[in-house]
Amino acid sequence: MDSFKSGDLAYLPSQVKLFQSDNSGTPRAVCQTDKPQNVLIVGAGKLPHELTILVNGQKWYTDTNNLYPIQEALHDKTS
């Protein structure tokens, strides 16, 4: 499992369930991603192995297993 911290960018694939919850932890909104996208990690979630991410300007929770680190691409500058 990769370790993410607040401010990291992560890759979120399609068909991943995201949720929002109220202060008691009861889910109040659930959605499923329809396309892959890069997201911003904004903090830890309420449960272990959960992160808060920013998607389309809203905070959502998802399991860390749904996220992949974005690695810097190496480009050949000689071509």
C-alpha atoms as a PDB file:
ATOM      1  CA  MET A   1       0.000   0.000   0.000  1.00  0.00           C
ATOM      2  CA  ASP A   2       1.332   3.403  -0.939  1.00  0.00           C
ATOM      3  CA  SER A   3       1.439   6.147   1.643  1.00  0.00           C
ATOM      4  CA  PHE A   4      -0.353   9.348   0.674  1.00  0.00           C
ATOM      5  CA  LYS A   5      -0.262  12.654   2.473  1.00  0.00           C
ATOM      6  CA  SER A   6      -2.262  15.835   2.229  1.00  0.00           C
ATOM      7  CA  GLY A   7      -1.330  17.783  -0.909  1.00  0.00           C
ATOM      8  CA  ASP A   8      -0.399  14.707  -2.966  1.00  0.00           C
ATOM      9  CA  LEU A   9      -1.920  14.079  -6.364  1.00  0.00           C
ATOM     10  CA  ALA A  10      -3.323  10.614  -7.024  1.00  0.00           C
ATOM     11  CA  TYR A  11      -4.826   8.723  -9.948  1.00  0.00           C
ATOM     12  CA  LEU A  12      -8.443   7.636  -9.417  1.00  0.00           C
ATOM     13  CA  PRO A  13      -9.720   5.069 -11.948  1.00  0.00           C
ATOM     14  CA  SER A  14     -13.272   4.852 -13.263  1.00  0.00           C
ATOM     15  CA  GLN A  15     -15.978   2.799 -11.543  1.00  0.00           C
ATOM     16  CA  VAL A  16     -14.816   3.701  -8.009  1.00  0.00           C
ATOM     17  CA  LYS A  17     -17.409   4.448  -5.338  1.00  0.00           C
ATOM     18  CA  LEU A  18     -16.976   7.685  -3.406  1.00  0.00           C
ATOM     19  CA  PHE A  19     -19.025   8.846  -0.466  1.00  0.00           C
ATOM     20  CA  GLN A  20     -19.723  11.805   1.771  1.00  0.00           C
ATOM     21  CA  SER A  21     -20.946  11.459   5.346  1.00  0.00           C
ATOM     22  CA  ASP A  22     -22.478  13.587   8.062  1.00  0.00           C
ATOM     23  CA  ASN A  23     -20.809  14.274  11.417  1.00  0.00           C
ATOM     24  CA  SER A  24     -22.030  10.963  12.865  1.00  0.00           C
ATOM     25  CA  GLY A  25     -20.401   9.005  10.018  1.00  0.00           C
ATOM     26  CA  THR A  26     -23.672   8.121   8.299  1.00  0.00           C
ATOM     27  CA  PRO A  27     -23.299   8.249   4.497  1.00  0.00           C
ATOM     28  CA  ARG A  28     -25.317  11.101   2.983  1.00  0.00           C
ATOM     29  CA  ALA A  29     -24.158  10.913  -0.636  1.00  0.00           C
ATOM     30  CA  VAL A  30     -22.622   8.169  -2.765  1.00  0.00           C
ATOM     31  CA  CYS A  31     -21.367   8.371  -6.327  1.00  0.00           C
ATOM     32  CA  GLN A  32     -19.379   6.247  -8.743  1.00  0.00           C
ATOM     33  CA  THR A  33     -16.702   7.725 -10.966  1.00  0.00           C
ATOM     34  CA  ASP A  34     -17.471   7.498 -14.672  1.00  0.00           C
ATOM     35  CA  LYS A  35     -13.981   8.280 -15.947  1.00  0.00           C
ATOM     36  CA  PRO A  36     -10.417   8.111 -14.629  1.00  0.00           C
ATOM     37  CA  GLN A  37      -9.013  11.344 -13.261  1.00  0.00           C
ATOM     38  CA  ASN A  38      -6.289  12.881 -11.142  1.00  0.00           C
ATOM     39  CA  VAL A  39      -7.412  14.006  -7.694  1.00  0.00           C
ATOM     40  CA  LEU A  40      -5.927  15.969  -4.803  1.00  0.00           C
ATOM     41  CA  ILE A  41      -5.526  14.304  -1.415  1.00  0.00           C
ATOM     42  CA  VAL A  42      -6.835  16.762   1.189  1.00  0.00           C
ATOM     43  CA  GLY A  43      -6.528  14.645   4.336  1.00  0.00           C
ATOM     44  CA  ALA A  44      -7.237  11.457   6.192  1.00  0.00           C
ATOM     45  CA  GLY A  45     -10.694   9.949   6.216  1.00  0.00           C
ATOM     46  CA  LYS A  46     -12.804   9.021   9.216  1.00  0.00           C
ATOM     47  CA  LEU A  47     -11.922   5.325   8.983  1.00  0.00           C
ATOM     48  CA  PRO A  48      -8.544   3.546   8.759  1.00  0.00           C
ATOM     49  CA  HIS A  49      -7.354   3.154   5.141  1.00  0.00           C
ATOM     50  CA  GLU A  50      -9.627   5.987   4.037  1.00  0.00           C
ATOM     51  CA  LEU A  51      -8.653   9.326   2.482  1.00  0.00           C
ATOM     52  CA  THR A  52     -10.446  12.566   1.769  1.00  0.00           C
ATOM     53  CA  ILE A  53     -10.021  13.634  -1.857  1.00  0.00           C
ATOM     54  CA  LEU A  54     -11.131  16.635  -3.889  1.00  0.00           C
ATOM     55  CA  VAL A  55     -13.258  15.714  -6.911  1.00  0.00           C
ATOM     56  CA  ASN A  56     -14.995  18.396  -8.997  1.00  0.00           C
ATOM     57  CA  GLY A  57     -14.654  20.916  -6.167  1.00  0.00           C
ATOM     58  CA  GLN A  58     -16.207  18.644  -3.519  1.00  0.00           C
ATOM     59  CA  LYS A  59     -14.652  16.595  -0.727  1.00  0.00           C
ATOM     60  CA  TRP A  60     -15.280  12.842  -0.950  1.00  0.00           C
ATOM     61  CA  TYR A  61     -14.010   9.805   0.952  1.00  0.00           C
ATOM     62  CA  THR A  62     -12.557   6.678  -0.630  1.00  0.00           C
ATOM     63  CA  ASP A  63     -10.460   3.704   0.388  1.00  0.00           C
ATOM     64  CA  THR A  64      -6.715   4.067  -0.142  1.00  0.00           C
ATOM     65  CA  ASN A  65      -6.785   0.894  -2.283  1.00  0.00           C
ATOM     66  CA  ASN A  66      -8.720   2.863  -4.929  1.00  0.00           C
ATOM     67  CA  LEU A  67      -5.921   5.406  -5.407  1.00  0.00           C
ATOM     68  CA  TYR A  68      -2.617   5.143  -7.231  1.00  0.00           C
ATOM     69  CA  PRO A  69       0.385   7.451  -6.880  1.00  0.00           C
ATOM     70  CA  ILE A  70       1.245   9.693  -9.787  1.00  0.00           C
ATOM     71  CA  GLN A  71       4.866   9.257 -10.721  1.00  0.00           C
ATOM     72  CA  GLU A  72       6.919  11.848 -12.501  1.00  0.00           C
ATOM     73  CA  ALA A  73       7.524  10.815 -16.067  1.00  0.00           C
ATOM     74  CA  LEU A  74      11.076  10.561 -17.313  1.00  0.00           C
ATOM     75  CA  HIS A  75      11.514  12.211 -20.687  1.00  0.00           C
ATOM     76  CA  ASP A  76      14.439  11.721 -23.002  1.00  0.00           C
ATOM     77  CA  LYS A  77      15.563  15.274 -23.770  1.00  0.00           C
ATOM     78  CA  THR A  78      18.006  14.183 -26.469  1.00  0.00           C
ATOM     79  CA  SER A  79      15.363  13.472 -29.109  1.00  0.00           C
END
